[in-house]
């Protein structure tokens, strides 16, 4: 790994289920995302599109946002429904 890519916050991307979301961004942000994607490909040897990086970047941002975590922790957690036992046919 070269010195220029050693400090990337995102590691190799996990495989996840996804939902399509469309948004608009400034051209300068798109250029930065493309540049980050190129550095990511260099660091991990796997070509990745900038669009594939966005959900992981947002996830990392939210995970590191102390204000969000504090508010999220104060919300009551939903109670889990009891598991039904399978009945034989």
PDB file of N, CA and C in Angstrom:
ATOM      1  N   UNK A   1       0.844  -1.171   0.000  1.00  0.00           N
ATOM      2  CA  UNK A   1       0.000   0.000   0.000  1.00  0.00           C
ATOM      3  C   UNK A   1       0.887   1.231   0.000  1.00  0.00           C
ATOM      4  N   UNK A   2       0.615   2.182  -0.855  1.00  0.00           N
ATOM      5  CA  UNK A   2       1.448   3.370  -0.928  1.00  0.00           C
ATOM      6  C   UNK A   2       1.045   4.360   0.158  1.00  0.00           C
ATOM      7  N   UNK A   3       1.898   5.332   0.411  1.00  0.00           N
ATOM      8  CA  UNK A   3       1.635   6.327   1.448  1.00  0.00           C
ATOM      9  C   UNK A   3       0.386   7.144   1.130  1.00  0.00           C
ATOM     10  N   UNK A   4       0.100   7.380  -0.145  1.00  0.00           N
ATOM     11  CA  UNK A   4      -1.047   8.196  -0.508  1.00  0.00           C
ATOM     12  C   UNK A   4      -2.371   7.481  -0.241  1.00  0.00           C
ATOM     13  N   UNK A   5      -2.394   6.171  -0.193  1.00  0.00           N
ATOM     14  CA  UNK A   5      -3.633   5.440   0.035  1.00  0.00           C
ATOM     15  C   UNK A   5      -3.700   4.804   1.414  1.00  0.00           C
ATOM     16  N   UNK A   6      -2.676   4.940   2.223  1.00  0.00           N
ATOM     17  CA  UNK A   6      -2.635   4.287   3.528  1.00  0.00           C
ATOM     18  C   UNK A   6      -3.663   4.842   4.505  1.00  0.00           C
ATOM     19  N   UNK A   7      -4.150   6.049   4.286  1.00  0.00           N
ATOM     20  CA  UNK A   7      -5.039   6.668   5.247  1.00  0.00           C
ATOM     21  C   UNK A   7      -6.505   6.688   4.815  1.00  0.00           C
ATOM     22  N   UNK A   8      -6.911   5.859   3.888  1.00  0.00           N
ATOM     23  CA  UNK A   8      -8.312   5.815   3.477  1.00  0.00           C
ATOM     24  C   UNK A   8      -9.142   5.232   4.604  1.00  0.00           C
ATOM     25  N   UNK A   9     -10.256   5.847   4.892  1.00  0.00           N
ATOM     26  CA  UNK A   9     -11.122   5.379   5.970  1.00  0.00           C
ATOM     27  C   UNK A   9     -11.886   4.124   5.585  1.00  0.00           C
ATOM     28  N   UNK A  10     -12.218   4.003   4.304  1.00  0.00           N
ATOM     29  CA  UNK A  10     -12.976   2.833   3.865  1.00  0.00           C
ATOM     30  C   UNK A  10     -12.034   1.700   3.508  1.00  0.00           C
ATOM     31  N   UNK A  11     -12.306   0.538   4.034  1.00  0.00           N
ATOM     32  CA  UNK A  11     -11.555  -0.646   3.668  1.00  0.00           C
ATOM     33  C   UNK A  11     -12.236  -1.314   2.488  1.00  0.00           C
ATOM     34  N   UNK A  12     -11.930  -2.575   2.241  1.00  0.00           N
ATOM     35  CA  UNK A  12     -12.624  -3.308   1.179  1.00  0.00           C
ATOM     36  C   UNK A  12     -14.131  -3.295   1.442  1.00  0.00           C
ATOM     37  N   UNK A  13     -14.915  -3.194   0.399  1.00  0.00           N
ATOM     38  CA  UNK A  13     -16.360  -3.058   0.550  1.00  0.00           C
ATOM     39  C   UNK A  13     -17.035  -4.403   0.780  1.00  0.00           C
ATOM     40  N   UNK A  14     -17.928  -4.470   1.783  1.00  0.00           N
ATOM     41  CA  UNK A  14     -18.665  -5.713   2.018  1.00  0.00           C
ATOM     42  C   UNK A  14     -19.806  -5.849   1.016  1.00  0.00           C
ATOM     43  N   UNK A  15     -20.277  -7.060   0.831  1.00  0.00           N
ATOM     44  CA  UNK A  15     -21.443  -7.300  -0.016  1.00  0.00           C
ATOM     45  C   UNK A  15     -22.678  -7.112   0.860  1.00  0.00           C
ATOM     46  N   UNK A  16     -23.601  -6.268   0.427  1.00  0.00           N
ATOM     47  CA  UNK A  16     -24.801  -5.999   1.216  1.00  0.00           C
ATOM     48  C   UNK A  16     -26.026  -5.924   0.327  1.00  0.00           C
ATOM     49  N   UNK A  17     -27.183  -6.060   0.943  1.00  0.00           N
ATOM     50  CA  UNK A  17     -28.448  -5.842   0.234  1.00  0.00           C
ATOM     51  C   UNK A  17     -28.600  -4.337   0.076  1.00  0.00           C
ATOM     52  N   UNK A  18     -29.146  -3.890  -1.041  1.00  0.00           N
ATOM     53  CA  UNK A  18     -29.228  -2.452  -1.246  1.00  0.00           C
ATOM     54  C   UNK A  18     -30.601  -2.017  -1.727  1.00  0.00           C
ATOM     55  N   UNK A  19     -30.857  -0.734  -1.555  1.00  0.00           N
ATOM     56  CA  UNK A  19     -32.063  -0.068  -2.023  1.00  0.00           C
ATOM     57  C   UNK A  19     -31.591   1.108  -2.858  1.00  0.00           C
ATOM     58  N   UNK A  20     -32.190   1.315  -4.016  1.00  0.00           N
ATOM     59  CA  UNK A  20     -31.750   2.396  -4.901  1.00  0.00           C
ATOM     60  C   UNK A  20     -32.216   3.744  -4.354  1.00  0.00           C
ATOM     61  N   UNK A  21     -31.283   4.691  -4.332  1.00  0.00           N
ATOM     62  CA  UNK A  21     -31.541   6.051  -3.885  1.00  0.00           C
ATOM     63  C   UNK A  21     -30.844   6.978  -4.859  1.00  0.00           C
ATOM     64  N   UNK A  22     -31.528   7.993  -5.338  1.00  0.00           N
ATOM     65  CA  UNK A  22     -30.957   8.922  -6.304  1.00  0.00           C
ATOM     66  C   UNK A  22     -30.837  10.298  -5.659  1.00  0.00           C
ATOM     67  N   UNK A  23     -29.706  10.965  -5.856  1.00  0.00           N
ATOM     68  CA  UNK A  23     -29.537  12.315  -5.333  1.00  0.00           C
ATOM     69  C   UNK A  23     -28.655  13.117  -6.280  1.00  0.00           C
ATOM     70  N   UNK A  24     -28.723  14.424  -6.146  1.00  0.00           N
ATOM     71  CA  UNK A  24     -27.903  15.326  -6.953  1.00  0.00           C
ATOM     72  C   UNK A  24     -26.787  15.885  -6.069  1.00  0.00           C
ATOM     73  N   UNK A  25     -25.618  16.093  -6.668  1.00  0.00           N
ATOM     74  CA  UNK A  25     -24.502  16.676  -5.930  1.00  0.00           C
ATOM     75  C   UNK A  25     -23.731  17.608  -6.848  1.00  0.00           C
ATOM     76  N   UNK A  26     -22.945  18.499  -6.266  1.00  0.00           N
ATOM     77  CA  UNK A  26     -22.132  19.398  -7.098  1.00  0.00           C
ATOM     78  C   UNK A  26     -21.119  18.605  -7.923  1.00  0.00           C
ATOM     79  N   UNK A  27     -20.768  19.140  -9.085  1.00  0.00           N
ATOM     80  CA  UNK A  27     -19.796  18.473  -9.964  1.00  0.00           C
ATOM     81  C   UNK A  27     -18.459  18.284  -9.258  1.00  0.00           C
ATOM     82  N   UNK A  28     -18.100  19.219  -8.390  1.00  0.00           N
ATOM     83  CA  UNK A  28     -16.823  19.103  -7.672  1.00  0.00           C
ATOM     84  C   UNK A  28     -16.840  17.911  -6.710  1.00  0.00           C
ATOM     85  N   UNK A  29     -17.985  17.639  -6.095  1.00  0.00           N
ATOM     86  CA  UNK A  29     -18.096  16.474  -5.215  1.00  0.00           C
ATOM     87  C   UNK A  29     -18.011  15.187  -6.025  1.00  0.00           C
ATOM     88  N   UNK A  30     -18.655  15.148  -7.188  1.00  0.00           N
ATOM     89  CA  UNK A  30     -18.579  13.968  -8.054  1.00  0.00           C
ATOM     90  C   UNK A  30     -17.138  13.712  -8.469  1.00  0.00           C
ATOM     91  N   UNK A  31     -16.394  14.771  -8.782  1.00  0.00           N
ATOM     92  CA  UNK A  31     -14.985  14.622  -9.157  1.00  0.00           C
ATOM     93  C   UNK A  31     -14.182  14.065  -7.979  1.00  0.00           C
ATOM     94  N   UNK A  32     -14.455  14.558  -6.769  1.00  0.00           N
ATOM     95  CA  UNK A  32     -13.769  14.043  -5.579  1.00  0.00           C
ATOM     96  C   UNK A  32     -14.110  12.576  -5.337  1.00  0.00           C
ATOM     97  N   UNK A  33     -15.371  12.212  -5.533  1.00  0.00           N
ATOM     98  CA  UNK A  33     -15.787  10.811  -5.360  1.00  0.00           C
ATOM     99  C   UNK A  33     -15.077   9.908  -6.374  1.00  0.00           C
ATOM    100  N   UNK A  34     -14.981  10.373  -7.615  1.00  0.00           N
ATOM    101  CA  UNK A  34     -14.278   9.599  -8.638  1.00  0.00           C
ATOM    102  C   UNK A  34     -12.801   9.436  -8.282  1.00  0.00           C
ATOM    103  N   UNK A  35     -12.202  10.503  -7.775  1.00  0.00           N
ATOM    104  CA  UNK A  35     -10.793  10.445  -7.373  1.00  0.00           C
ATOM    105  C   UNK A  35     -10.624   9.468  -6.200  1.00  0.00           C
ATOM    106  N   UNK A  36     -11.530   9.522  -5.223  1.00  0.00           N
ATOM    107  CA  UNK A  36     -11.468   8.602  -4.084  1.00  0.00           C
ATOM    108  C   UNK A  36     -11.614   7.162  -4.570  1.00  0.00           C
ATOM    109  N   UNK A  37     -12.518   6.935  -5.505  1.00  0.00           N
ATOM    110  CA  UNK A  37     -12.722   5.587  -6.048  1.00  0.00           C
ATOM    111  C   UNK A  37     -11.444   5.077  -6.712  1.00  0.00           C
ATOM    112  N   UNK A  38     -10.741   5.950  -7.410  1.00  0.00           N
ATOM    113  CA  UNK A  38      -9.481   5.552  -8.048  1.00  0.00           C
ATOM    114  C   UNK A  38      -8.434   5.196  -6.993  1.00  0.00           C
ATOM    115  N   UNK A  39      -8.352   5.989  -5.929  1.00  0.00           N
ATOM    116  CA  UNK A  39      -7.411   5.688  -4.839  1.00  0.00           C
ATOM    117  C   UNK A  39      -7.786   4.390  -4.131  1.00  0.00           C
ATOM    118  N   UNK A  40      -9.077   4.177  -3.958  1.00  0.00           N
ATOM    119  CA  UNK A  40      -9.570   2.948  -3.316  1.00  0.00           C
ATOM    120  C   UNK A  40      -9.190   1.738  -4.157  1.00  0.00           C
ATOM    121  N   UNK A  41      -9.350   1.838  -5.460  1.00  0.00           N
ATOM    122  CA  UNK A  41      -8.986   0.741  -6.367  1.00  0.00           C
ATOM    123  C   UNK A  41      -7.487   0.465  -6.296  1.00  0.00           C
ATOM    124  N   UNK A  42      -6.702   1.522  -6.218  1.00  0.00           N
ATOM    125  CA  UNK A  42      -5.259   1.382  -6.098  1.00  0.00           C
ATOM    126  C   UNK A  42      -4.887   0.686  -4.789  1.00  0.00           C
ATOM    127  N   UNK A  43      -5.544   1.065  -3.707  1.00  0.00           N
ATOM    128  CA  UNK A  43      -5.224   0.533  -2.383  1.00  0.00           C
ATOM    129  C   UNK A  43      -5.632  -0.929  -2.228  1.00  0.00           C
ATOM    130  N   UNK A  44      -6.770  -1.318  -2.821  1.00  0.00           N
ATOM    131  CA  UNK A  44      -7.320  -2.650  -2.576  1.00  0.00           C
ATOM    132  C   UNK A  44      -7.348  -3.548  -3.810  1.00  0.00           C
ATOM    133  N   UNK A  45      -6.858  -3.045  -4.942  1.00  0.00           N
ATOM    134  CA  UNK A  45      -6.732  -3.867  -6.131  1.00  0.00           C
ATOM    135  C   UNK A  45      -8.045  -4.305  -6.750  1.00  0.00           C
ATOM    136  N   UNK A  46      -9.118  -3.612  -6.444  1.00  0.00           N
ATOM    137  CA  UNK A  46     -10.433  -3.950  -7.013  1.00  0.00           C
ATOM    138  C   UNK A  46     -11.088  -2.664  -7.495  1.00  0.00           C
ATOM    139  N   UNK A  47     -11.397  -2.609  -8.783  1.00  0.00           N
ATOM    140  CA  UNK A  47     -12.041  -1.423  -9.335  1.00  0.00           C
ATOM    141  C   UNK A  47     -13.426  -1.266  -8.736  1.00  0.00           C
ATOM    142  N   UNK A  48     -13.713  -0.066  -8.284  1.00  0.00           N
ATOM    143  CA  UNK A  48     -15.022   0.218  -7.705  1.00  0.00           C
ATOM    144  C   UNK A  48     -15.488   1.574  -8.212  1.00  0.00           C
ATOM    145  N   UNK A  49     -16.770   1.649  -8.524  1.00  0.00           N
ATOM    146  CA  UNK A  49     -17.378   2.880  -8.997  1.00  0.00           C
ATOM    147  C   UNK A  49     -17.638   3.798  -7.802  1.00  0.00           C
ATOM    148  N   UNK A  50     -17.536   5.097  -8.016  1.00  0.00           N
ATOM    149  CA  UNK A  50     -17.789   6.060  -6.941  1.00  0.00           C
ATOM    150  C   UNK A  50     -19.179   5.857  -6.333  1.00  0.00           C
ATOM    151  N   UNK A  51     -20.146   5.497  -7.158  1.00  0.00           N
ATOM    152  CA  UNK A  51     -21.516   5.286  -6.668  1.00  0.00           C
ATOM    153  C   UNK A  51     -21.560   4.164  -5.631  1.00  0.00           C
ATOM    154  N   UNK A  52     -20.734   3.148  -5.796  1.00  0.00           N
ATOM    155  CA  UNK A  52     -20.698   2.041  -4.840  1.00  0.00           C
ATOM    156  C   UNK A  52     -20.086   2.466  -3.505  1.00  0.00           C
ATOM    157  N   UNK A  53     -19.259   3.499  -3.526  1.00  0.00           N
ATOM    158  CA  UNK A  53     -18.621   3.969  -2.297  1.00  0.00           C
ATOM    159  C   UNK A  53     -19.548   4.818  -1.429  1.00  0.00           C
ATOM    160  N   UNK A  54     -20.476   5.525  -2.045  1.00  0.00           N
ATOM    161  CA  UNK A  54     -21.304   6.498  -1.324  1.00  0.00           C
ATOM    162  C   UNK A  54     -22.024   5.886  -0.121  1.00  0.00           C
ATOM    163  N   UNK A  55     -22.705   4.744  -0.240  1.00  0.00           N
ATOM    164  CA  UNK A  55     -23.393   4.200   0.942  1.00  0.00           C
ATOM    165  C   UNK A  55     -22.429   3.884   2.084  1.00  0.00           C
ATOM    166  N   UNK A  56     -21.235   3.406   1.759  1.00  0.00           N
ATOM    167  CA  UNK A  56     -20.259   3.062   2.790  1.00  0.00           C
ATOM    168  C   UNK A  56     -19.693   4.320   3.441  1.00  0.00           C
ATOM    169  N   UNK A  57     -19.534   5.372   2.648  1.00  0.00           N
ATOM    170  CA  UNK A  57     -19.074   6.641   3.196  1.00  0.00           C
ATOM    171  C   UNK A  57     -20.128   7.226   4.135  1.00  0.00           C
ATOM    172  N   UNK A  58     -21.375   7.182   3.728  1.00  0.00           N
ATOM    173  CA  UNK A  58     -22.454   7.690   4.581  1.00  0.00           C
ATOM    174  C   UNK A  58     -22.579   6.869   5.859  1.00  0.00           C
ATOM    175  N   UNK A  59     -22.437   5.560   5.736  1.00  0.00           N
ATOM    176  CA  UNK A  59     -22.494   4.690   6.907  1.00  0.00           C
ATOM    177  C   UNK A  59     -21.364   5.023   7.882  1.00  0.00           C
ATOM    178  N   UNK A  60     -20.151   5.213   7.361  1.00  0.00           N
ATOM    179  CA  UNK A  60     -19.008   5.565   8.206  1.00  0.00           C
ATOM    180  C   UNK A  60     -19.218   6.937   8.846  1.00  0.00           C
ATOM    181  N   UNK A  61     -19.773   7.868   8.090  1.00  0.00           N
ATOM    182  CA  UNK A  61     -20.040   9.199   8.618  1.00  0.00           C
ATOM    183  C   UNK A  61     -21.028   9.117   9.778  1.00  0.00           C
ATOM    184  N   UNK A  62     -22.122   8.398   9.569  1.00  0.00           N
ATOM    185  CA  UNK A  62     -23.141   8.294  10.614  1.00  0.00           C
ATOM    186  C   UNK A  62     -22.628   7.542  11.842  1.00  0.00           C
ATOM    187  N   UNK A  63     -21.810   6.518  11.627  1.00  0.00           N
ATOM    188  CA  UNK A  63     -21.251   5.759  12.737  1.00  0.00           C
ATOM    189  C   UNK A  63     -20.306   6.623  13.579  1.00  0.00           C
ATOM    190  N   UNK A  64     -19.673   7.605  12.946  1.00  0.00           N
ATOM    191  CA  UNK A  64     -18.743   8.467  13.664  1.00  0.00           C
ATOM    192  C   UNK A  64     -19.364   9.746  14.196  1.00  0.00           C
ATOM    193  N   UNK A  65     -20.636   9.969  13.936  1.00  0.00           N
ATOM    194  CA  UNK A  65     -21.312  11.189  14.366  1.00  0.00           C
ATOM    195  C   UNK A  65     -21.801  11.016  15.798  1.00  0.00           C
ATOM    196  N   UNK A  66     -21.106  11.619  16.746  1.00  0.00           N
ATOM    197  CA  UNK A  66     -21.443  11.440  18.166  1.00  0.00           C
ATOM    198  C   UNK A  66     -22.827  11.974  18.498  1.00  0.00           C
ATOM    199  N   UNK A  67     -23.196  13.097  17.898  1.00  0.00           N
ATOM    200  CA  UNK A  67     -24.523  13.666  18.151  1.00  0.00           C
ATOM    201  C   UNK A  67     -25.632  12.728  17.705  1.00  0.00           C
ATOM    202  N   UNK A  68     -25.449  12.114  16.556  1.00  0.00           N
ATOM    203  CA  UNK A  68     -26.445  11.167  16.047  1.00  0.00           C
ATOM    204  C   UNK A  68     -26.517   9.944  16.946  1.00  0.00           C
ATOM    205  N   UNK A  69     -25.347   9.413  17.326  1.00  0.00           N
ATOM    206  CA  UNK A  69     -25.325   8.224  18.178  1.00  0.00           C
ATOM    207  C   UNK A  69     -25.974   8.517  19.526  1.00  0.00           C
ATOM    208  N   UNK A  70     -25.721   9.720  20.065  1.00  0.00           N
ATOM    209  CA  UNK A  70     -26.293  10.089  21.358  1.00  0.00           C
ATOM    210  C   UNK A  70     -27.818  10.146  21.267  1.00  0.00           C
ATOM    211  N   UNK A  71     -28.326  10.778  20.215  1.00  0.00           N
ATOM    212  CA  UNK A  71     -29.778  10.847  20.026  1.00  0.00           C
ATOM    213  C   UNK A  71     -30.372   9.472  19.762  1.00  0.00           C
ATOM    214  N   UNK A  72     -29.652   8.673  18.966  1.00  0.00           N
ATOM    215  CA  UNK A  72     -30.131   7.338  18.634  1.00  0.00           C
ATOM    216  C   UNK A  72     -30.171   6.456  19.881  1.00  0.00           C
ATOM    217  N   UNK A  73     -29.197   6.620  20.766  1.00  0.00           N
ATOM    218  CA  UNK A  73     -29.143   5.811  21.983  1.00  0.00           C
ATOM    219  C   UNK A  73     -30.263   6.181  22.947  1.00  0.00           C
ATOM    220  N   UNK A  74     -30.766   7.420  22.870  1.00  0.00           N
ATOM    221  CA  UNK A  74     -31.829   7.837  23.780  1.00  0.00           C
ATOM    222  C   UNK A  74     -33.209   7.363  23.332  1.00  0.00           C
ATOM    223  N   UNK A  75     -33.316   6.891  22.086  1.00  0.00           N
ATOM    224  CA  UNK A  75     -34.597   6.371  21.591  1.00  0.00           C
ATOM    225  C   UNK A  75     -34.862   5.011  22.216  1.00  0.00           C
ATOM    226  N   UNK A  76     -36.097   4.751  22.603  1.00  0.00           N
ATOM    227  CA  UNK A  76     -36.392   3.407  23.096  1.00  0.00           C
ATOM    228  C   UNK A  76     -36.244   2.393  21.964  1.00  0.00           C
ATOM    229  N   UNK A  77     -35.698   1.247  22.279  1.00  0.00           N
ATOM    230  CA  UNK A  77     -35.525   0.220  21.258  1.00  0.00           C
ATOM    231  C   UNK A  77     -36.835  -0.526  21.066  1.00  0.00           C
ATOM    232  N   UNK A  78     -37.181  -0.842  19.819  1.00  0.00           N
ATOM    233  CA  UNK A  78     -38.423  -1.579  19.584  1.00  0.00           C
ATOM    234  C   UNK A  78     -38.315  -2.983  20.182  1.00  0.00           C
ATOM    235  N   UNK A  79     -39.413  -3.426  20.778  1.00  0.00           N
ATOM    236  CA  UNK A  79     -39.406  -4.761  21.364  1.00  0.00           C
ATOM    237  C   UNK A  79     -39.515  -5.789  20.257  1.00  0.00           C
ATOM    238  N   UNK A  80     -38.748  -6.839  20.418  1.00  0.00           N
ATOM    239  CA  UNK A  80     -38.784  -7.912  19.432  1.00  0.00           C
ATOM    240  C   UNK A  80     -39.999  -8.790  19.691  1.00  0.00           C
ATOM    241  N   UNK A  81     -40.620  -9.214  18.610  1.00  0.00           N
ATOM    242  CA  UNK A  81     -41.743 -10.125  18.728  1.00  0.00           C
ATOM    243  C   UNK A  81     -41.226 -11.524  19.034  1.00  0.00           C
ATOM    244  N   UNK A  82     -41.938 -12.265  19.856  1.00  0.00           N
ATOM    245  CA  UNK A  82     -41.479 -13.627  20.143  1.00  0.00           C
ATOM    246  C   UNK A  82     -41.518 -14.469  18.877  1.00  0.00           C
ATOM    247  N   UNK A  83     -40.566 -15.381  18.780  1.00  0.00           N
ATOM    248  CA  UNK A  83     -40.500 -16.281  17.643  1.00  0.00           C
ATOM    249  C   UNK A  83     -41.594 -17.317  17.737  1.00  0.00           C
ATOM    250  N   UNK A  84     -42.259 -17.559  16.631  1.00  0.00           N
ATOM    251  CA  UNK A  84     -43.277 -18.615  16.592  1.00  0.00           C
ATOM    252  C   UNK A  84     -42.606 -19.965  16.437  1.00  0.00           C
ATOM    253  N   UNK A  85     -43.141 -20.925  17.100  1.00  0.00           N
ATOM    254  CA  UNK A  85     -42.626 -22.273  16.928  1.00  0.00           C
ATOM    255  C   UNK A  85     -43.309 -22.888  15.712  1.00  0.00           C
ATOM    256  N   UNK A  86     -42.539 -23.619  14.954  1.00  0.00           N
ATOM    257  CA  UNK A  86     -43.104 -24.282  13.766  1.00  0.00           C
ATOM    258  C   UNK A  86     -43.978 -25.438  14.233  1.00  0.00           C
ATOM    259  N   UNK A  87     -45.162 -25.513  13.640  1.00  0.00           N
ATOM    260  CA  UNK A  87     -46.060 -26.620  13.973  1.00  0.00           C
ATOM    261  C   UNK A  87     -45.941 -27.681  12.901  1.00  0.00           C
ATOM    262  N   UNK A  88     -45.870 -28.936  13.312  1.00  0.00           N
ATOM    263  CA  UNK A  88     -45.758 -29.987  12.293  1.00  0.00           C
ATOM    264  C   UNK A  88     -47.014 -30.080  11.435  1.00  0.00           C
ATOM    265  N   UNK A  89     -46.880 -30.406  10.146  1.00  0.00           N
ATOM    266  CA  UNK A  89     -48.046 -30.483   9.237  1.00  0.00           C
ATOM    267  C   UNK A  89     -48.965 -31.621   9.571  1.00  0.00           C
TER     268      UNK A  89
END
